[in-house]
Every structure is written in C-alpha cells, then in structure tokens.
C-alpha cells in the first residue's frame, strides 16, 4: 500500500513536462513554448502565425534552426500598423530574430483592400525594396515571399505613381508641357501671319 501511494504521488511529477506545451494568443502576439514548437514541426511541418487575417508561414527547417529549448519560448508579432502597412516581429526569448529565409506572407486582398485592384498591388519591405508578389485568385490572397521580418507596405500601383510622388518629375513635366504649348502657339501664329500676308498680295 505504501508503494502504491508513493507511485500515485509520483505520477504528477512524471507528467510535468507536458505542462511545458503552452501556446498563448493575444490580440497582437502569439507565444509558444519550445515543446509546443517541436510538436507543431513534427505533426504539421511549417509553422504558421496569423493575426487580423494576415498569415506568416515559416519553413520547418528555419524554425528548427532556432534550437528553442523545451522550456524556452518563441514570440511572434503580426499586426496592422496602418491601412497599408504591416509589421512582423519574432523573438526567441529576448533575442530578436530577423532572418526567416523562404518565408511567405499571405494577405486577403478583398478583406484588406475592398476597392483595390489586386493585379496592381505592390509590396515593399522595411528598406523600401519592392518584393515579388503573386495573386492566388482561387483563395483571393496576395502572396509575397520574404527572407526577413520588419514592416511591409502594400499599395496599388498606378501608371502615374512616379510622377505624382516625385515633385521634381512634376516640375519637369509641367515645364515641358509649357514649352510644347509655347512652341505650338508660335507656330500657329506664324502660320496665320503667313496666310494673311499671302492674301494681301
């Protein structure tokens, strides 16, 4: 009986490691334990973080390279910063992770940009570099591959975007237009004078 009692008392101690399998989800953050991460990688493969409809998929090989201890944590932030920008942060404990090679961001176009044209959407990273995007028409997702975390801006590309956003370009275009109009006006007046002169003869 004493042996059995000791065995019963010992069972919770044996099961304690299972308590390390934790996942806490808040409005902005997802925090998972190293043990939980191992289980996700084992049974689901790639790891996926989703907030406000925006999804970040990280390859299993990348997550494995983080070497998170069972009692360690991975904290992921996916949030909408403005109407057209999104921020992604990842921490291993207190250590910031910026390199996530082969990762993918998926944004629901109609939900985020109901009046936008998906075919003309562009995404730039924190450095202002344009990232290659493609549209999954079946799932209505704008997809971009990224190797880094940071802030990503989405906007609709217009033909005259460069001119609208560049004051110098606007000035050059305005000046060129004025010169063209001036030349055309001179030629027009010259032609009229010539014709009236011929009439006088």
N, C-alpha and C. Protein backbone atom coordinates (compact mmCIF):
# COMPACT_ATOMS: atom_id res chain seq x y z
N UNK A 1 0.82 -1.21 0.00
CA UNK A 1 0.00 0.00 0.00
C UNK A 1 0.85 1.25 0.00
N UNK A 2 1.94 1.21 0.79
CA UNK A 2 2.84 2.37 0.82
C UNK A 2 3.47 2.58 -0.55
N UNK A 3 3.82 1.47 -1.19
CA UNK A 3 4.43 1.55 -2.51
C UNK A 3 3.47 2.16 -3.53
N UNK A 4 2.21 1.69 -3.45
CA UNK A 4 1.20 2.21 -4.37
C UNK A 4 0.94 3.70 -4.12
N UNK A 5 0.92 4.10 -2.86
CA UNK A 5 0.69 5.50 -2.54
C UNK A 5 1.81 6.37 -3.08
N UNK A 6 3.03 5.90 -2.92
CA UNK A 6 4.16 6.65 -3.45
C UNK A 6 4.11 6.75 -4.98
N UNK A 7 3.65 5.68 -5.60
CA UNK A 7 3.55 5.66 -7.06
C UNK A 7 2.53 6.69 -7.54
N UNK A 8 1.41 6.77 -6.87
CA UNK A 8 0.38 7.74 -7.23
C UNK A 8 0.90 9.16 -7.06
N UNK A 9 1.60 9.38 -5.96
CA UNK A 9 2.13 10.72 -5.72
C UNK A 9 3.20 11.10 -6.74
N UNK A 10 3.89 10.12 -7.27
CA UNK A 10 4.98 10.39 -8.22
C UNK A 10 4.47 10.68 -9.62
N UNK A 11 3.27 10.24 -9.92
CA UNK A 11 2.73 10.39 -11.29
C UNK A 11 2.66 11.84 -11.75
N UNK A 12 2.19 12.80 -10.94
CA UNK A 12 2.16 14.19 -11.41
C UNK A 12 3.55 14.71 -11.77
N UNK A 13 4.59 14.25 -11.07
CA UNK A 13 5.95 14.68 -11.37
C UNK A 13 6.38 14.16 -12.74
N UNK A 14 5.95 12.94 -13.07
CA UNK A 14 6.29 12.37 -14.37
C UNK A 14 5.58 13.14 -15.48
N UNK A 15 4.38 13.64 -15.21
CA UNK A 15 3.60 14.32 -16.23
C UNK A 15 3.93 15.81 -16.36
N UNK A 16 4.75 16.34 -15.49
CA UNK A 16 5.04 17.77 -15.50
C UNK A 16 5.57 18.31 -16.83
N UNK A 17 6.47 17.57 -17.54
CA UNK A 17 6.97 18.10 -18.81
C UNK A 17 5.86 18.47 -19.79
N UNK A 18 4.71 17.76 -19.68
CA UNK A 18 3.60 18.06 -20.59
C UNK A 18 3.07 19.46 -20.37
N UNK A 19 3.27 20.02 -19.20
CA UNK A 19 2.80 21.36 -18.90
C UNK A 19 3.58 22.41 -19.68
N UNK A 20 4.74 22.03 -20.21
CA UNK A 20 5.55 22.96 -20.98
C UNK A 20 4.97 23.22 -22.37
N UNK A 21 4.00 22.38 -22.75
CA UNK A 21 3.37 22.56 -24.06
C UNK A 21 2.34 23.67 -23.94
N UNK A 22 2.79 24.89 -24.14
CA UNK A 22 1.89 26.03 -23.98
C UNK A 22 1.84 26.88 -25.24
N UNK A 23 0.70 27.51 -25.43
CA UNK A 23 0.50 28.45 -26.55
C UNK A 23 -0.44 29.54 -26.06
N UNK A 24 0.06 30.74 -26.01
CA UNK A 24 -0.72 31.89 -25.54
C UNK A 24 -0.95 32.84 -26.73
N UNK A 25 -2.20 33.14 -27.00
CA UNK A 25 -2.54 34.00 -28.12
C UNK A 25 -3.25 35.25 -27.60
N UNK A 26 -2.68 36.41 -27.92
CA UNK A 26 -3.31 37.68 -27.55
C UNK A 26 -3.72 38.40 -28.84
N UNK A 27 -4.16 39.63 -28.69
CA UNK A 27 -4.61 40.39 -29.85
C UNK A 27 -3.49 40.60 -30.86
N UNK A 28 -2.26 40.76 -30.38
CA UNK A 28 -1.13 41.04 -31.27
C UNK A 28 -0.07 39.94 -31.31
N UNK A 29 0.08 39.24 -30.18
CA UNK A 29 1.17 38.30 -30.05
C UNK A 29 0.71 36.84 -30.00
N UNK A 30 1.59 35.96 -30.47
CA UNK A 30 1.43 34.53 -30.27
C UNK A 30 2.71 34.04 -29.60
N UNK A 31 2.56 33.43 -28.43
CA UNK A 31 3.72 32.94 -27.68
C UNK A 31 3.58 31.43 -27.51
N UNK A 32 4.58 30.68 -28.00
CA UNK A 32 4.54 29.23 -27.88
C UNK A 32 5.82 28.73 -27.21
N UNK A 33 5.68 27.66 -26.45
CA UNK A 33 6.84 27.08 -25.78
C UNK A 33 7.65 26.26 -26.77
N UNK A 34 8.89 25.97 -26.40
CA UNK A 34 9.74 25.15 -27.26
C UNK A 34 9.15 23.78 -27.51
N UNK A 35 8.52 23.22 -26.48
CA UNK A 35 7.88 21.91 -26.62
C UNK A 35 6.72 21.97 -27.60
N UNK A 36 5.94 23.03 -27.52
CA UNK A 36 4.82 23.22 -28.44
C UNK A 36 5.33 23.38 -29.87
N UNK A 37 6.42 24.10 -30.01
CA UNK A 37 7.03 24.30 -31.33
C UNK A 37 7.47 22.96 -31.91
N UNK A 38 8.07 22.12 -31.09
CA UNK A 38 8.51 20.79 -31.55
C UNK A 38 7.34 19.97 -32.05
N UNK A 39 6.22 20.02 -31.34
CA UNK A 39 5.04 19.26 -31.73
C UNK A 39 4.47 19.76 -33.05
N UNK A 40 4.45 21.09 -33.22
CA UNK A 40 3.94 21.68 -34.46
C UNK A 40 4.81 21.23 -35.64
N UNK A 41 6.12 21.30 -35.46
CA UNK A 41 7.05 20.93 -36.53
C UNK A 41 6.96 19.44 -36.84
N UNK A 42 6.70 18.66 -35.82
CA UNK A 42 6.63 17.21 -36.00
C UNK A 42 5.37 16.77 -36.74
N UNK A 43 4.25 17.35 -36.38
CA UNK A 43 2.97 16.90 -36.93
C UNK A 43 2.40 17.79 -38.03
N UNK A 44 2.83 19.03 -38.10
CA UNK A 44 2.26 19.95 -39.09
C UNK A 44 3.29 20.48 -40.09
N UNK A 45 4.55 20.32 -39.79
CA UNK A 45 5.58 20.80 -40.71
C UNK A 45 5.85 22.28 -40.50
N UNK A 46 5.61 23.08 -41.51
CA UNK A 46 5.85 24.52 -41.41
C UNK A 46 5.03 25.13 -40.29
N UNK A 47 5.55 26.21 -39.73
CA UNK A 47 4.84 26.90 -38.65
C UNK A 47 4.12 28.12 -39.22
N UNK A 48 2.93 28.38 -38.73
CA UNK A 48 2.10 29.46 -39.28
C UNK A 48 1.59 30.38 -38.15
N UNK A 49 1.81 31.68 -38.34
CA UNK A 49 1.28 32.67 -37.41
C UNK A 49 0.27 33.52 -38.15
N UNK A 50 -0.88 33.77 -37.53
CA UNK A 50 -1.93 34.55 -38.20
C UNK A 50 -2.57 35.55 -37.25
N UNK A 51 -2.69 36.77 -37.73
CA UNK A 51 -3.36 37.83 -36.98
C UNK A 51 -4.08 38.75 -37.96
N UNK A 52 -5.29 39.15 -37.62
CA UNK A 52 -6.07 40.10 -38.41
C UNK A 52 -6.16 39.68 -39.88
N UNK A 53 -6.19 38.38 -40.11
CA UNK A 53 -6.31 37.88 -41.47
C UNK A 53 -4.99 37.74 -42.20
N UNK A 54 -3.92 38.33 -41.66
CA UNK A 54 -2.60 38.25 -42.28
C UNK A 54 -1.90 37.00 -41.77
N UNK A 55 -1.34 36.24 -42.67
CA UNK A 55 -0.72 34.98 -42.30
C UNK A 55 0.77 34.98 -42.66
N UNK A 56 1.59 34.47 -41.73
CA UNK A 56 3.03 34.33 -41.96
C UNK A 56 3.38 32.86 -41.84
N UNK A 57 3.93 32.29 -42.91
CA UNK A 57 4.33 30.89 -42.89
C UNK A 57 5.85 30.79 -42.93
N UNK A 58 6.40 30.08 -41.95
CA UNK A 58 7.85 29.93 -41.84
C UNK A 58 8.21 28.46 -42.04
N UNK A 59 9.19 28.16 -42.92
CA UNK A 59 9.57 26.76 -43.17
C UNK A 59 10.02 26.05 -41.89
N UNK A 60 9.74 24.77 -41.81
CA UNK A 60 10.11 23.96 -40.64
C UNK A 60 11.62 24.00 -40.41
N UNK A 61 12.40 23.96 -41.48
CA UNK A 61 13.86 23.94 -41.36
C UNK A 61 14.37 25.21 -40.69
N UNK A 62 13.71 26.34 -40.95
CA UNK A 62 14.11 27.61 -40.35
C UNK A 62 13.79 27.60 -38.86
N UNK A 63 12.58 27.18 -38.52
CA UNK A 63 12.16 27.12 -37.12
C UNK A 63 13.04 26.15 -36.32
N UNK A 64 13.43 25.05 -36.95
CA UNK A 64 14.30 24.09 -36.28
C UNK A 64 15.68 24.67 -36.00
N UNK A 65 16.14 25.54 -36.90
CA UNK A 65 17.46 26.15 -36.74
C UNK A 65 17.51 27.10 -35.54
N UNK A 66 16.35 27.50 -35.02
CA UNK A 66 16.33 28.38 -33.85
C UNK A 66 16.77 27.64 -32.59
N UNK A 67 16.63 26.32 -32.59
CA UNK A 67 17.05 25.48 -31.45
C UNK A 67 16.47 25.99 -30.12
N UNK A 68 15.17 26.05 -30.10
CA UNK A 68 14.48 26.53 -28.89
C UNK A 68 14.39 25.40 -27.87
N UNK A 69 14.80 25.67 -26.66
CA UNK A 69 14.72 24.68 -25.59
C UNK A 69 13.25 24.40 -25.26
N UNK A 70 12.98 23.24 -24.68
CA UNK A 70 11.60 22.87 -24.37
C UNK A 70 10.93 23.90 -23.46
N UNK A 71 11.70 24.47 -22.55
CA UNK A 71 11.12 25.46 -21.63
C UNK A 71 11.35 26.89 -22.12
N UNK A 72 11.86 27.02 -23.35
CA UNK A 72 12.04 28.34 -23.96
C UNK A 72 10.77 28.79 -24.65
N UNK A 73 10.80 29.94 -25.26
CA UNK A 73 9.61 30.45 -25.95
C UNK A 73 9.95 31.11 -27.28
N UNK A 74 8.98 31.09 -28.16
CA UNK A 74 9.03 31.86 -29.42
C UNK A 74 7.84 32.80 -29.37
N UNK A 75 8.12 34.09 -29.60
CA UNK A 75 7.08 35.11 -29.57
C UNK A 75 6.98 35.75 -30.96
N UNK A 76 5.82 35.74 -31.52
CA UNK A 76 5.62 36.29 -32.86
C UNK A 76 4.57 37.40 -32.84
N UNK A 77 4.93 38.51 -33.44
CA UNK A 77 4.01 39.64 -33.57
C UNK A 77 3.65 39.83 -35.04
N UNK A 78 2.38 39.83 -35.33
CA UNK A 78 1.88 40.14 -36.68
C UNK A 78 0.76 41.14 -36.48
N UNK A 79 1.00 42.39 -36.88
CA UNK A 79 -0.02 43.40 -36.64
C UNK A 79 -0.11 44.39 -37.80
N UNK A 80 -1.30 44.98 -37.89
CA UNK A 80 -1.55 46.01 -38.90
C UNK A 80 -1.14 47.35 -38.29
N UNK A 81 -0.17 48.01 -38.92
CA UNK A 81 0.34 49.28 -38.41
C UNK A 81 -0.51 50.45 -38.91
N UNK A 82 -0.89 50.38 -40.18
CA UNK A 82 -1.76 51.40 -40.78
C UNK A 82 -2.64 50.71 -41.80
N UNK A 83 -3.39 51.49 -42.56
CA UNK A 83 -4.28 50.89 -43.56
C UNK A 83 -3.53 50.12 -44.63
N UNK A 84 -2.24 50.46 -44.81
CA UNK A 84 -1.49 49.82 -45.88
C UNK A 84 -0.14 49.28 -45.44
N UNK A 85 0.08 49.10 -44.14
CA UNK A 85 1.37 48.56 -43.68
C UNK A 85 1.18 47.57 -42.55
N UNK A 86 2.08 46.60 -42.52
CA UNK A 86 2.00 45.51 -41.55
C UNK A 86 3.39 45.25 -40.97
N UNK A 87 3.41 44.91 -39.69
CA UNK A 87 4.68 44.67 -39.01
C UNK A 87 4.77 43.23 -38.53
N UNK A 88 5.97 42.64 -38.73
CA UNK A 88 6.22 41.28 -38.28
C UNK A 88 7.48 41.26 -37.43
N UNK A 89 7.35 40.73 -36.21
CA UNK A 89 8.50 40.59 -35.31
C UNK A 89 8.50 39.18 -34.74
N UNK A 90 9.70 38.64 -34.52
CA UNK A 90 9.83 37.32 -33.91
C UNK A 90 10.96 37.37 -32.89
N UNK A 91 10.70 36.80 -31.72
CA UNK A 91 11.71 36.73 -30.66
C UNK A 91 11.87 35.29 -30.17
N UNK A 92 13.11 34.92 -29.92
CA UNK A 92 13.41 33.67 -29.23
C UNK A 92 13.80 34.08 -27.82
N UNK A 93 12.86 33.97 -26.90
CA UNK A 93 13.08 34.55 -25.57
C UNK A 93 13.14 36.06 -25.71
N UNK A 94 14.30 36.63 -25.38
CA UNK A 94 14.50 38.08 -25.55
C UNK A 94 15.35 38.39 -26.78
N UNK A 95 15.77 37.36 -27.49
CA UNK A 95 16.62 37.54 -28.68
C UNK A 95 15.76 37.75 -29.92
N UNK A 96 15.99 38.86 -30.60
CA UNK A 96 15.21 39.18 -31.80
C UNK A 96 15.70 38.37 -32.99
N UNK A 97 14.76 37.80 -33.72
CA UNK A 97 15.07 37.03 -34.93
C UNK A 97 14.63 37.85 -36.14
N UNK A 98 15.55 38.13 -37.04
CA UNK A 98 15.21 38.93 -38.23
C UNK A 98 15.28 38.11 -39.52
N UNK A 99 16.09 37.06 -39.53
CA UNK A 99 16.25 36.24 -40.73
C UNK A 99 15.26 35.08 -40.72
N UNK A 100 14.38 35.06 -41.72
CA UNK A 100 13.40 33.97 -41.86
C UNK A 100 13.36 33.54 -43.33
N UNK A 101 14.48 33.03 -43.86
CA UNK A 101 14.56 32.68 -45.28
C UNK A 101 13.48 31.72 -45.74
N UNK A 102 12.96 32.00 -46.94
CA UNK A 102 11.95 31.13 -47.53
C UNK A 102 10.57 31.27 -46.93
N UNK A 103 10.34 32.33 -46.17
CA UNK A 103 9.03 32.51 -45.54
C UNK A 103 8.06 33.20 -46.49
N UNK A 104 6.80 33.17 -46.11
CA UNK A 104 5.76 33.69 -47.01
C UNK A 104 4.69 34.43 -46.22
N UNK A 105 4.32 35.61 -46.75
CA UNK A 105 3.25 36.41 -46.15
C UNK A 105 2.04 36.32 -47.08
N UNK A 106 0.88 36.09 -46.50
CA UNK A 106 -0.35 35.98 -47.29
C UNK A 106 -1.39 36.98 -46.77
N UNK A 107 -1.87 37.82 -47.67
CA UNK A 107 -2.81 38.88 -47.30
C UNK A 107 -4.10 38.73 -48.09
N UNK A 108 -5.25 38.63 -47.42
CA UNK A 108 -6.54 38.54 -48.12
C UNK A 108 -6.87 39.88 -48.77
N UNK A 109 -6.86 39.93 -50.08
CA UNK A 109 -6.99 41.19 -50.81
C UNK A 109 -8.34 41.86 -50.61
N UNK A 110 -9.43 41.16 -50.85
CA UNK A 110 -10.76 41.79 -50.77
C UNK A 110 -11.07 42.28 -49.37
N UNK A 111 -10.58 41.54 -48.38
CA UNK A 111 -10.83 41.92 -47.00
C UNK A 111 -10.04 43.17 -46.61
N UNK A 112 -8.79 43.24 -47.07
CA UNK A 112 -7.93 44.36 -46.72
C UNK A 112 -8.11 45.56 -47.65
N UNK A 113 -8.32 45.25 -48.92
CA UNK A 113 -8.44 46.32 -49.92
C UNK A 113 -9.67 46.08 -50.80
N UNK A 114 -10.86 46.31 -50.25
CA UNK A 114 -12.10 46.02 -50.99
C UNK A 114 -12.24 46.81 -52.29
N UNK A 115 -11.64 48.00 -52.34
CA UNK A 115 -11.76 48.82 -53.55
C UNK A 115 -10.51 48.81 -54.41
N UNK A 116 -9.53 48.00 -54.03
CA UNK A 116 -8.27 47.97 -54.77
C UNK A 116 -8.26 46.91 -55.85
N UNK A 117 -7.38 47.09 -56.81
CA UNK A 117 -7.21 46.12 -57.89
C UNK A 117 -6.05 45.19 -57.51
N UNK A 118 -6.32 43.94 -57.23
CA UNK A 118 -5.26 43.00 -56.81
C UNK A 118 -4.12 42.89 -57.81
N UNK A 119 -4.45 43.07 -59.08
CA UNK A 119 -3.44 42.93 -60.14
C UNK A 119 -2.38 44.03 -60.06
N UNK A 120 -2.71 45.14 -59.42
CA UNK A 120 -1.77 46.26 -59.40
C UNK A 120 -1.11 46.47 -58.03
N UNK A 121 -1.32 45.53 -57.11
CA UNK A 121 -0.77 45.68 -55.77
C UNK A 121 0.74 45.47 -55.75
N UNK A 122 1.42 46.29 -54.95
CA UNK A 122 2.86 46.19 -54.76
C UNK A 122 3.15 46.10 -53.26
N UNK A 123 4.22 45.39 -52.91
CA UNK A 123 4.64 45.31 -51.52
C UNK A 123 6.11 45.69 -51.42
N UNK A 124 6.42 46.58 -50.48
CA UNK A 124 7.81 46.97 -50.24
C UNK A 124 8.17 46.59 -48.81
N UNK A 125 9.46 46.29 -48.59
CA UNK A 125 9.90 45.91 -47.25
C UNK A 125 10.39 47.12 -46.47
N UNK A 126 11.01 46.89 -45.32
CA UNK A 126 11.46 47.97 -44.45
C UNK A 126 12.50 48.87 -45.11
N UNK A 127 13.21 48.32 -46.09
CA UNK A 127 14.25 49.09 -46.77
C UNK A 127 13.73 49.79 -48.02
N UNK A 128 12.43 49.64 -48.26
CA UNK A 128 11.85 50.27 -49.44
C UNK A 128 12.00 49.47 -50.71
N UNK A 129 12.48 48.24 -50.60
CA UNK A 129 12.67 47.39 -51.77
C UNK A 129 11.35 46.75 -52.18
N UNK A 130 11.10 46.72 -53.49
CA UNK A 130 9.88 46.09 -54.00
C UNK A 130 10.07 44.58 -53.98
N UNK A 131 9.10 43.88 -53.42
CA UNK A 131 9.16 42.43 -53.34
C UNK A 131 8.27 41.81 -54.41
N UNK A 132 8.69 40.67 -54.90
CA UNK A 132 7.89 39.98 -55.91
C UNK A 132 6.62 39.42 -55.26
N UNK A 133 5.52 39.69 -55.90
CA UNK A 133 4.23 39.20 -55.39
C UNK A 133 3.50 38.42 -56.46
N UNK A 134 2.60 37.58 -56.04
CA UNK A 134 1.71 36.93 -57.00
C UNK A 134 0.35 36.74 -56.36
N UNK A 135 -0.64 36.66 -57.19
CA UNK A 135 -2.03 36.61 -56.72
C UNK A 135 -2.59 35.21 -56.86
N UNK A 136 -3.07 34.69 -55.74
CA UNK A 136 -3.77 33.41 -55.75
C UNK A 136 -5.25 33.73 -55.91
N UNK A 137 -5.73 33.66 -57.14
CA UNK A 137 -7.11 34.06 -57.43
C UNK A 137 -8.14 33.14 -56.79
N UNK A 138 -7.80 31.88 -56.63
CA UNK A 138 -8.75 30.93 -56.04
C UNK A 138 -9.02 31.27 -54.57
N UNK A 139 -7.95 31.60 -53.85
CA UNK A 139 -8.12 31.93 -52.44
C UNK A 139 -8.18 33.43 -52.18
N UNK A 140 -8.04 34.21 -53.26
CA UNK A 140 -8.06 35.67 -53.17
C UNK A 140 -7.01 36.17 -52.18
N UNK A 141 -5.78 35.68 -52.37
CA UNK A 141 -4.67 36.06 -51.50
C UNK A 141 -3.55 36.72 -52.29
N UNK A 142 -3.04 37.80 -51.73
CA UNK A 142 -1.85 38.42 -52.28
C UNK A 142 -0.68 37.80 -51.53
N UNK A 143 0.23 37.16 -52.23
CA UNK A 143 1.30 36.40 -51.60
C UNK A 143 2.66 37.00 -51.94
N UNK A 144 3.50 37.10 -50.93
CA UNK A 144 4.85 37.63 -51.13
C UNK A 144 5.83 36.77 -50.33
N UNK A 145 6.94 36.44 -50.95
CA UNK A 145 7.99 35.68 -50.27
C UNK A 145 8.97 36.65 -49.65
N UNK A 146 9.41 36.36 -48.44
CA UNK A 146 10.35 37.25 -47.74
C UNK A 146 11.38 36.43 -46.97
N UNK A 147 12.54 37.01 -46.79
CA UNK A 147 13.61 36.37 -46.02
C UNK A 147 13.85 37.09 -44.69
N UNK A 148 13.10 38.18 -44.46
CA UNK A 148 13.32 38.97 -43.26
C UNK A 148 12.01 39.41 -42.62
N UNK A 149 12.09 39.72 -41.33
CA UNK A 149 10.96 40.31 -40.65
C UNK A 149 11.01 41.83 -40.88
N UNK A 150 10.06 42.57 -40.33
CA UNK A 150 10.08 44.02 -40.49
C UNK A 150 8.70 44.56 -40.80
N UNK A 151 8.69 45.76 -41.40
CA UNK A 151 7.42 46.40 -41.79
C UNK A 151 7.25 46.29 -43.30
N UNK A 152 6.07 45.89 -43.70
CA UNK A 152 5.77 45.70 -45.12
C UNK A 152 4.61 46.62 -45.51
N UNK A 153 4.81 47.35 -46.60
CA UNK A 153 3.79 48.31 -47.07
C UNK A 153 3.16 47.78 -48.35
N UNK A 154 1.85 47.89 -48.41
CA UNK A 154 1.10 47.42 -49.59
C UNK A 154 0.38 48.61 -50.20
N UNK A 155 0.44 48.73 -51.51
CA UNK A 155 -0.27 49.82 -52.19
C UNK A 155 -0.62 49.39 -53.60
N UNK A 156 -1.56 50.11 -54.20
CA UNK A 156 -1.93 49.86 -55.58
C UNK A 156 -1.03 50.64 -56.51
N UNK A 157 -0.49 49.97 -57.49
CA UNK A 157 0.40 50.61 -58.45
C UNK A 157 -0.40 51.30 -59.54
N UNK A 158 -0.11 52.60 -59.79
CA UNK A 158 -0.76 53.36 -60.85
C UNK A 158 0.28 53.76 -61.88
N UNK A 159 -0.17 54.00 -63.08
CA UNK A 159 0.75 54.35 -64.17
C UNK A 159 1.50 55.63 -63.85
N UNK A 160 0.81 56.59 -63.24
CA UNK A 160 1.44 57.89 -62.99
C UNK A 160 1.91 58.05 -61.54
N UNK A 161 2.13 56.92 -60.83
CA UNK A 161 2.57 56.98 -59.44
C UNK A 161 3.88 57.74 -59.29
N UNK A 162 4.85 57.41 -60.17
CA UNK A 162 6.18 58.02 -60.05
C UNK A 162 6.11 59.52 -60.23
N UNK A 163 5.26 59.98 -61.12
CA UNK A 163 5.14 61.41 -61.37
C UNK A 163 4.44 62.10 -60.21
N UNK A 164 3.37 61.44 -59.70
CA UNK A 164 2.62 62.03 -58.59
C UNK A 164 3.45 62.16 -57.33
N UNK A 165 4.35 61.19 -57.10
CA UNK A 165 5.12 61.17 -55.86
C UNK A 165 6.45 61.91 -55.96
N UNK A 166 6.82 62.34 -57.15
CA UNK A 166 8.10 63.00 -57.33
C UNK A 166 7.89 64.44 -57.76
N UNK A 167 8.06 65.42 -56.85
CA UNK A 167 7.84 66.83 -57.18
C UNK A 167 8.72 67.30 -58.33
N UNK A 168 9.95 66.77 -58.40
CA UNK A 168 10.85 67.16 -59.47
C UNK A 168 10.30 66.71 -60.82
N UNK A 169 9.76 65.48 -60.84
CA UNK A 169 9.18 64.96 -62.08
C UNK A 169 7.98 65.79 -62.51
N UNK A 170 7.20 66.21 -61.52
CA UNK A 170 6.03 67.05 -61.82
C UNK A 170 6.48 68.38 -62.40
N UNK A 171 7.53 68.97 -61.84
CA UNK A 171 8.05 70.25 -62.32
C UNK A 171 8.56 70.13 -63.74
N UNK A 172 9.31 69.04 -64.01
CA UNK A 172 9.85 68.81 -65.35
C UNK A 172 8.73 68.62 -66.35
N UNK A 173 7.71 67.83 -65.96
CA UNK A 173 6.58 67.59 -66.84
C UNK A 173 5.83 68.88 -67.13
N UNK A 174 5.62 69.70 -66.10
CA UNK A 174 4.90 70.97 -66.26
C UNK A 174 5.68 71.90 -67.18
N UNK A 175 7.00 71.99 -66.97
CA UNK A 175 7.84 72.85 -67.80
C UNK A 175 7.82 72.38 -69.25
N UNK A 176 7.94 71.08 -69.46
CA UNK A 176 7.93 70.53 -70.81
C UNK A 176 6.61 70.81 -71.50
N UNK A 177 5.53 70.69 -70.74
CA UNK A 177 4.20 70.96 -71.30
C UNK A 177 4.07 72.42 -71.71
N UNK A 178 4.58 73.33 -70.85
CA UNK A 178 4.51 74.76 -71.15
C UNK A 178 5.32 75.10 -72.39
N UNK A 179 6.51 74.48 -72.51
CA UNK A 179 7.36 74.74 -73.68
C UNK A 179 6.68 74.25 -74.94
N UNK A 180 6.07 73.05 -74.85
CA UNK A 180 5.38 72.49 -76.00
C UNK A 180 4.23 73.39 -76.44
N UNK A 181 3.45 73.84 -75.46
CA UNK A 181 2.32 74.74 -75.77
C UNK A 181 2.83 76.03 -76.38
N UNK A 182 3.93 76.57 -75.86
CA UNK A 182 4.50 77.81 -76.36
C UNK A 182 4.95 77.67 -77.81
N UNK A 183 5.64 76.54 -78.09
CA UNK A 183 6.13 76.31 -79.46
C UNK A 183 4.98 76.15 -80.43
N UNK A 184 3.98 75.37 -80.00
CA UNK A 184 2.80 75.16 -80.86
C UNK A 184 2.10 76.48 -81.11
N UNK A 185 2.01 77.32 -80.07
CA UNK A 185 1.37 78.63 -80.21
C UNK A 185 2.11 79.52 -81.19
N UNK A 186 3.43 79.52 -81.10
CA UNK A 186 4.25 80.35 -82.02
C UNK A 186 4.08 79.88 -83.45
N UNK A 187 4.13 78.56 -83.61
CA UNK A 187 3.96 78.01 -84.96
C UNK A 187 2.59 78.35 -85.51
N UNK A 188 1.59 78.27 -84.63
CA UNK A 188 0.22 78.55 -85.07
C UNK A 188 0.08 80.00 -85.50
N UNK A 189 0.65 80.90 -84.68
CA UNK A 189 0.58 82.33 -85.03
C UNK A 189 1.38 82.63 -86.29
N UNK A 190 2.53 81.96 -86.42
CA UNK A 190 3.36 82.18 -87.60
C UNK A 190 2.62 81.77 -88.85
N UNK A 191 1.91 80.64 -88.74
CA UNK A 191 1.17 80.14 -89.90
C UNK A 191 0.07 81.10 -90.29
N UNK A 192 -0.63 81.67 -89.31
CA UNK A 192 -1.72 82.59 -89.59
C UNK A 192 -1.20 83.87 -90.24
N UNK A 193 -0.07 84.35 -89.75
CA UNK A 193 0.50 85.57 -90.32
C UNK A 193 0.90 85.34 -91.77
N UNK A 194 1.49 84.17 -92.01
CA UNK A 194 1.92 83.87 -93.38
C UNK A 194 0.74 83.81 -94.31
N UNK A 195 -0.34 83.20 -93.85
CA UNK A 195 -1.52 83.07 -94.71
C UNK A 195 -2.13 84.44 -95.00
N UNK A 196 -2.18 85.32 -94.00
CA UNK A 196 -2.80 86.62 -94.23
C UNK A 196 -1.91 87.48 -95.13
N UNK A 197 -0.62 87.29 -95.04
CA UNK A 197 0.30 88.04 -95.87
C UNK A 197 0.12 87.65 -97.33
N UNK A 198 -0.08 86.32 -97.52
CA UNK A 198 -0.30 85.85 -98.89
C UNK A 198 -1.61 86.41 -99.42
N UNK A 199 -2.56 86.57 -98.59
CA UNK A 199 -3.86 87.09 -99.03
C UNK A 199 -3.76 88.53 -99.45
N UNK A 200 -2.88 89.28 -98.76
CA UNK A 200 -2.74 90.69 -99.10
C UNK A 200 -2.13 90.86 -100.48
N UNK A 201 -1.21 89.94 -100.84
CA UNK A 201 -0.60 90.00 -102.17
C UNK A 201 -1.66 89.68 -103.21
